[in-house]
Amino acid sequence: MRCILALLVLLISLPAMAEEVVLGMSQDQVSISTDFNGDEILIFGAIKRESPISETPMQVIVTVAGPDQQLTVRKKARRFGIWVNTETVEVDAAPSFYAVNTTAPWADTISEVEDLRHHISIPRAIRAVGTESHDSQSFTNAVIRIRKDADAYQLNESSVDFREQTLFRTSVVMPANLTEGNYPTRVFLLRDKQVVSHYETTIAVRKVGLERWLYSLARNQPLLYGLMSLAIAIFAGWGASAAFQALRSQ
């Protein structure tokens, strides 16, 4: 009983968080339909304070991450005139999509220690295990390079508009090839490159309409899905052949 009372006294005596995030979004759900070609989400918010604004300026980082995926990355080399796999790295978890928006250049925003602690940067968001290579970082860099080229990984420095050290806003452009699932969205407040507060919510990405029906059919009734795909392929081939014959007969 004394321990419980002591704990309650300690909790009461702790100061309230000096600064915390109040967040809003233009939408918290993305619907993937047959004509989906990407989306843009506006993320905005304010800093709620229990004390006056500090003279040391604050920075903001916003991240949006897609569902993690397991990847096998292989390195090819030429052996005896042919290309073969020589080294392999198993990537235990790599987000299918990852966007990082900041108020300032990355080097001026956060320290390496804080990045390591919170896994904020793109390289820190990827976990590579089971490597047969002593240079696993080159494999991770290859994944990042490929996904950056596809706009699946984005580092948007100085893209967060921060007004009067209180109001902030930014936008995240999501590509057309999104993976269905929950997308954790995090906001970090930093001062002197140290995280002083953070907030997390979720954006739901879901297939709808025909996309949802085909996705459910492929997962729940793969035999029927395969037969339907085969029938469509046969019909399309027959239709193309018939059209070609009709053109030749004219």
Protein backbone atom coordinates (compact mmCIF):
# COMPACT_ATOMS: atom_id res chain seq x y z
CA MET A 1 0.00 0.00 0.00
CA ARG A 2 2.84 2.39 0.87
CA CYS A 3 4.47 1.66 -2.50
CA ILE A 4 1.25 2.53 -4.31
CA LEU A 5 0.89 5.79 -2.39
CA ALA A 6 4.52 6.69 -3.09
CA LEU A 7 3.99 6.03 -6.80
CA LEU A 8 0.87 8.24 -6.85
CA VAL A 9 2.74 11.06 -5.13
CA LEU A 10 5.56 10.76 -7.67
CA LEU A 11 3.17 10.86 -10.63
CA ILE A 12 1.38 13.91 -9.22
CA SER A 13 4.67 15.70 -8.65
CA LEU A 14 5.89 15.14 -12.23
CA PRO A 15 5.56 18.24 -14.44
CA ALA A 16 3.12 18.19 -17.35
CA MET A 17 4.64 17.80 -20.80
CA ALA A 18 5.82 21.26 -21.81
CA GLU A 19 5.05 20.84 -25.50
CA GLU A 20 2.87 18.37 -27.36
CA VAL A 21 1.33 17.98 -30.81
CA VAL A 22 -2.28 18.62 -31.78
CA LEU A 23 -2.59 17.02 -35.23
CA GLY A 24 -5.05 17.10 -38.11
CA MET A 25 -5.12 15.60 -41.62
CA SER A 26 -7.08 16.29 -44.78
CA GLN A 27 -8.01 12.59 -44.76
CA ASP A 28 -7.13 9.56 -42.68
CA GLN A 29 -8.17 6.96 -45.26
CA VAL A 30 -7.04 6.33 -48.84
CA SER A 31 -9.27 4.26 -51.15
CA ILE A 32 -7.58 2.28 -53.93
CA SER A 33 -9.94 1.80 -56.88
CA THR A 34 -9.38 0.76 -60.50
CA ASP A 35 -8.62 4.35 -61.54
CA PHE A 36 -6.45 5.21 -58.52
CA ASN A 37 -3.32 7.11 -59.59
CA GLY A 38 -1.98 8.30 -56.25
CA ASP A 39 -3.10 10.76 -53.61
CA GLU A 40 -1.86 13.76 -51.65
CA ILE A 41 -2.52 14.10 -47.94
CA LEU A 42 -2.26 17.40 -46.10
CA ILE A 43 -0.92 17.04 -42.56
CA PHE A 44 -1.25 20.04 -40.26
CA GLY A 45 -1.16 20.78 -36.59
CA ALA A 46 -0.15 23.01 -33.71
CA ILE A 47 2.14 22.91 -30.69
CA LYS A 48 0.28 22.93 -27.37
CA ARG A 49 2.42 24.48 -24.63
CA GLU A 50 2.30 24.66 -20.85
CA SER A 51 5.01 27.36 -20.81
CA PRO A 52 6.15 30.33 -22.95
CA ILE A 53 7.88 29.70 -26.27
CA SER A 54 11.55 28.94 -25.78
CA GLU A 55 14.18 31.17 -27.36
CA THR A 56 15.80 28.05 -28.88
CA PRO A 57 13.98 27.35 -32.18
CA MET A 58 12.11 24.09 -32.61
CA GLN A 59 12.11 21.76 -35.63
CA VAL A 60 9.42 19.37 -36.86
CA ILE A 61 9.75 16.02 -38.64
CA VAL A 62 6.75 14.22 -40.16
CA THR A 63 7.01 10.60 -41.33
CA VAL A 64 4.51 8.34 -43.10
CA ALA A 65 5.40 4.64 -43.42
CA GLY A 66 3.74 1.82 -45.34
CA PRO A 67 3.46 -1.79 -44.12
CA ASP A 68 6.78 -3.58 -43.61
CA GLN A 69 7.86 -6.17 -46.16
CA GLN A 70 10.48 -8.92 -46.16
CA LEU A 71 12.90 -8.68 -49.08
CA THR A 72 15.69 -10.83 -50.49
CA VAL A 73 18.34 -8.66 -52.16
CA ARG A 74 20.85 -10.42 -54.42
CA LYS A 75 24.05 -9.18 -55.95
CA LYS A 76 24.93 -10.46 -59.41
CA ALA A 77 28.42 -10.87 -60.82
CA ARG A 78 29.80 -12.18 -64.09
CA ARG A 79 31.28 -15.68 -63.75
CA PHE A 80 32.59 -17.60 -66.77
CA GLY A 81 30.68 -15.37 -69.16
CA ILE A 82 27.28 -15.54 -67.40
CA TRP A 83 25.60 -13.49 -64.69
CA VAL A 84 25.01 -15.37 -61.42
CA ASN A 85 23.95 -14.49 -57.88
CA THR A 86 27.03 -14.17 -55.68
CA GLU A 87 25.82 -12.55 -52.44
CA THR A 88 22.49 -12.32 -50.65
CA VAL A 89 21.03 -10.17 -47.89
CA GLU A 90 17.72 -10.90 -46.20
CA VAL A 91 15.96 -7.65 -45.37
CA ASP A 92 13.82 -8.49 -42.37
CA ALA A 93 11.61 -5.40 -42.60
CA ALA A 94 11.50 -2.60 -45.15
CA PRO A 95 8.51 -0.24 -45.38
CA SER A 96 6.70 -0.48 -48.70
CA PHE A 97 6.43 3.32 -48.63
CA TYR A 98 8.29 5.86 -46.53
CA ALA A 99 8.18 9.65 -46.58
CA VAL A 100 10.17 11.98 -44.32
CA ASN A 101 9.32 15.70 -44.31
CA THR A 102 11.36 18.19 -42.29
CA THR A 103 11.36 21.90 -41.46
CA ALA A 104 15.10 22.27 -42.18
CA PRO A 105 17.95 20.34 -43.83
CA TRP A 106 18.31 16.90 -42.27
CA ALA A 107 21.74 17.55 -40.74
CA ASP A 108 20.39 20.63 -38.95
CA THR A 109 17.29 18.89 -37.61
CA ILE A 110 18.24 15.75 -35.66
CA SER A 111 21.29 14.06 -34.17
CA GLU A 112 22.53 10.60 -35.10
CA VAL A 113 21.76 9.35 -31.59
CA GLU A 114 18.14 10.48 -31.74
CA ASP A 115 17.76 9.04 -35.23
CA LEU A 116 19.10 5.71 -33.98
CA ARG A 117 16.74 5.78 -31.01
CA HIS A 118 13.55 6.57 -32.96
CA HIS A 119 14.38 5.02 -36.39
CA ILE A 120 13.33 8.14 -38.30
CA SER A 121 15.60 8.35 -41.36
CA ILE A 122 15.09 6.06 -44.33
CA PRO A 123 18.18 3.87 -43.67
CA ARG A 124 17.17 3.49 -39.99
CA ALA A 125 13.69 2.34 -41.02
CA ILE A 126 15.13 -0.72 -42.80
CA ARG A 127 16.32 -3.78 -40.87
CA ALA A 128 18.66 -6.16 -42.71
CA VAL A 129 19.51 -9.54 -41.14
CA GLY A 130 20.91 -12.89 -42.20
CA THR A 131 23.55 -11.44 -44.48
CA GLU A 132 26.12 -13.52 -46.30
CA SER A 133 28.03 -10.36 -47.14
CA HIS A 134 30.31 -8.22 -45.02
CA ASP A 135 28.96 -5.15 -46.86
CA SER A 136 25.25 -5.36 -46.06
CA GLN A 137 24.96 -1.57 -46.17
CA SER A 138 25.46 -1.60 -49.95
CA PHE A 139 22.43 -3.90 -50.27
CA THR A 140 20.36 -1.58 -48.10
CA ASN A 141 21.49 1.38 -50.22
CA ALA A 142 20.40 -0.50 -53.35
CA VAL A 143 16.88 -0.98 -51.92
CA ILE A 144 16.72 2.72 -51.02
CA ARG A 145 17.98 3.81 -54.45
CA ILE A 146 15.45 1.64 -56.33
CA ARG A 147 12.53 2.76 -54.19
CA LYS A 148 13.53 6.41 -54.35
CA ASP A 149 13.49 6.18 -58.14
CA ALA A 150 9.91 4.84 -57.87
CA ASP A 151 8.92 7.65 -55.42
CA ALA A 152 8.26 5.01 -52.78
CA TYR A 153 10.95 6.49 -50.52
CA GLN A 154 11.04 10.28 -50.11
CA LEU A 155 13.19 12.66 -48.09
CA ASN A 156 11.61 16.10 -48.41
CA GLU A 157 13.86 18.51 -46.55
CA SER A 158 12.52 21.95 -45.59
CA SER A 159 9.04 20.94 -46.79
CA VAL A 160 7.25 21.52 -43.46
CA ASP A 161 5.93 25.07 -43.17
CA PHE A 162 6.37 26.11 -39.52
CA ARG A 163 4.75 29.41 -38.47
CA GLU A 164 5.61 31.31 -35.29
CA GLN A 165 7.02 28.13 -33.72
CA THR A 166 3.41 27.01 -33.24
CA LEU A 167 1.56 26.09 -36.44
CA PHE A 168 2.91 23.63 -39.00
CA ARG A 169 1.70 22.05 -42.22
CA THR A 170 3.06 19.78 -44.93
CA SER A 171 1.81 17.41 -47.60
CA VAL A 172 2.76 13.85 -48.47
CA VAL A 173 2.37 12.62 -52.06
CA MET A 174 1.50 8.92 -52.11
CA PRO A 175 2.17 7.02 -55.39
CA ALA A 176 -0.28 4.84 -57.28
CA ASN A 177 1.34 1.52 -56.35
CA LEU A 178 0.43 1.64 -52.65
CA THR A 179 0.30 -1.51 -50.55
CA GLU A 180 -2.94 -2.03 -48.64
CA GLY A 181 -2.64 -1.68 -44.87
CA ASN A 182 -2.19 0.80 -42.04
CA TYR A 183 0.36 3.60 -42.53
CA PRO A 184 1.80 4.85 -39.22
CA THR A 185 2.16 8.64 -39.29
CA ARG A 186 4.54 10.21 -36.78
CA VAL A 187 5.29 13.81 -35.85
CA PHE A 188 8.46 14.64 -33.90
CA LEU A 189 9.21 17.92 -32.16
CA LEU A 190 12.92 18.63 -31.77
CA ARG A 191 15.05 21.26 -30.09
CA ASP A 192 18.84 21.32 -30.32
CA LYS A 193 18.52 18.17 -32.49
CA GLN A 194 16.90 16.31 -29.58
CA VAL A 195 13.36 14.87 -29.64
CA VAL A 196 11.28 16.63 -26.99
CA SER A 197 7.90 15.17 -27.93
CA HIS A 198 6.27 12.99 -30.56
CA TYR A 199 2.79 11.99 -31.69
CA GLU A 200 1.58 9.01 -33.74
CA THR A 201 -1.59 8.24 -35.67
CA THR A 202 -2.55 6.02 -38.63
CA ILE A 203 -3.67 6.44 -42.22
CA ALA A 204 -5.71 3.49 -43.51
CA VAL A 205 -5.14 2.43 -47.13
CA ARG A 206 -7.82 0.06 -48.43
CA LYS A 207 -8.88 -1.39 -51.77
CA VAL A 208 -12.48 -0.66 -52.79
CA GLY A 209 -14.86 -1.71 -55.57
CA LEU A 210 -13.52 -4.06 -58.24
CA GLU A 211 -10.01 -3.92 -56.76
CA ARG A 212 -11.34 -5.17 -53.40
CA TRP A 213 -13.37 -7.93 -55.07
CA LEU A 214 -10.42 -9.21 -57.12
CA TYR A 215 -8.08 -8.98 -54.11
CA SER A 216 -10.49 -10.97 -51.91
CA LEU A 217 -11.11 -13.52 -54.66
CA ALA A 218 -7.37 -14.12 -55.20
CA ARG A 219 -6.77 -14.59 -51.45
CA ASN A 220 -9.87 -16.55 -50.47
CA GLN A 221 -10.61 -18.56 -53.63
CA PRO A 222 -7.35 -18.88 -55.58
CA LEU A 223 -8.61 -21.78 -57.76
CA LEU A 224 -11.63 -19.81 -58.95
CA TYR A 225 -9.42 -16.76 -59.50
CA GLY A 226 -6.98 -18.81 -61.58
CA LEU A 227 -9.74 -20.34 -63.70
CA MET A 228 -11.30 -16.92 -64.28
CA SER A 229 -7.92 -15.46 -65.30
CA LEU A 230 -7.38 -18.37 -67.71
CA ALA A 231 -10.84 -17.90 -69.22
CA ILE A 232 -10.23 -14.17 -69.71
CA ALA A 233 -6.87 -14.87 -71.37
CA ILE A 234 -8.44 -17.43 -73.74
CA PHE A 235 -11.31 -15.09 -74.61
CA ALA A 236 -8.92 -12.17 -75.20
CA GLY A 237 -6.74 -14.34 -77.48
CA TRP A 238 -9.76 -15.57 -79.42
CA GLY A 239 -11.08 -12.02 -79.77
CA ALA A 240 -7.75 -10.72 -81.07
CA SER A 241 -7.50 -13.59 -83.56
CA ALA A 242 -11.06 -13.03 -84.79
CA ALA A 243 -10.44 -9.30 -85.24
CA PHE A 244 -7.23 -10.00 -87.17
CA GLN A 245 -9.03 -12.47 -89.48
CA ALA A 246 -11.80 -9.94 -90.08
CA LEU A 247 -9.27 -7.29 -91.06
CA ARG A 248 -7.51 -9.66 -93.47
CA SER A 249 -10.79 -10.61 -95.18
CA GLN A 250 -11.64 -7.01 -96.03
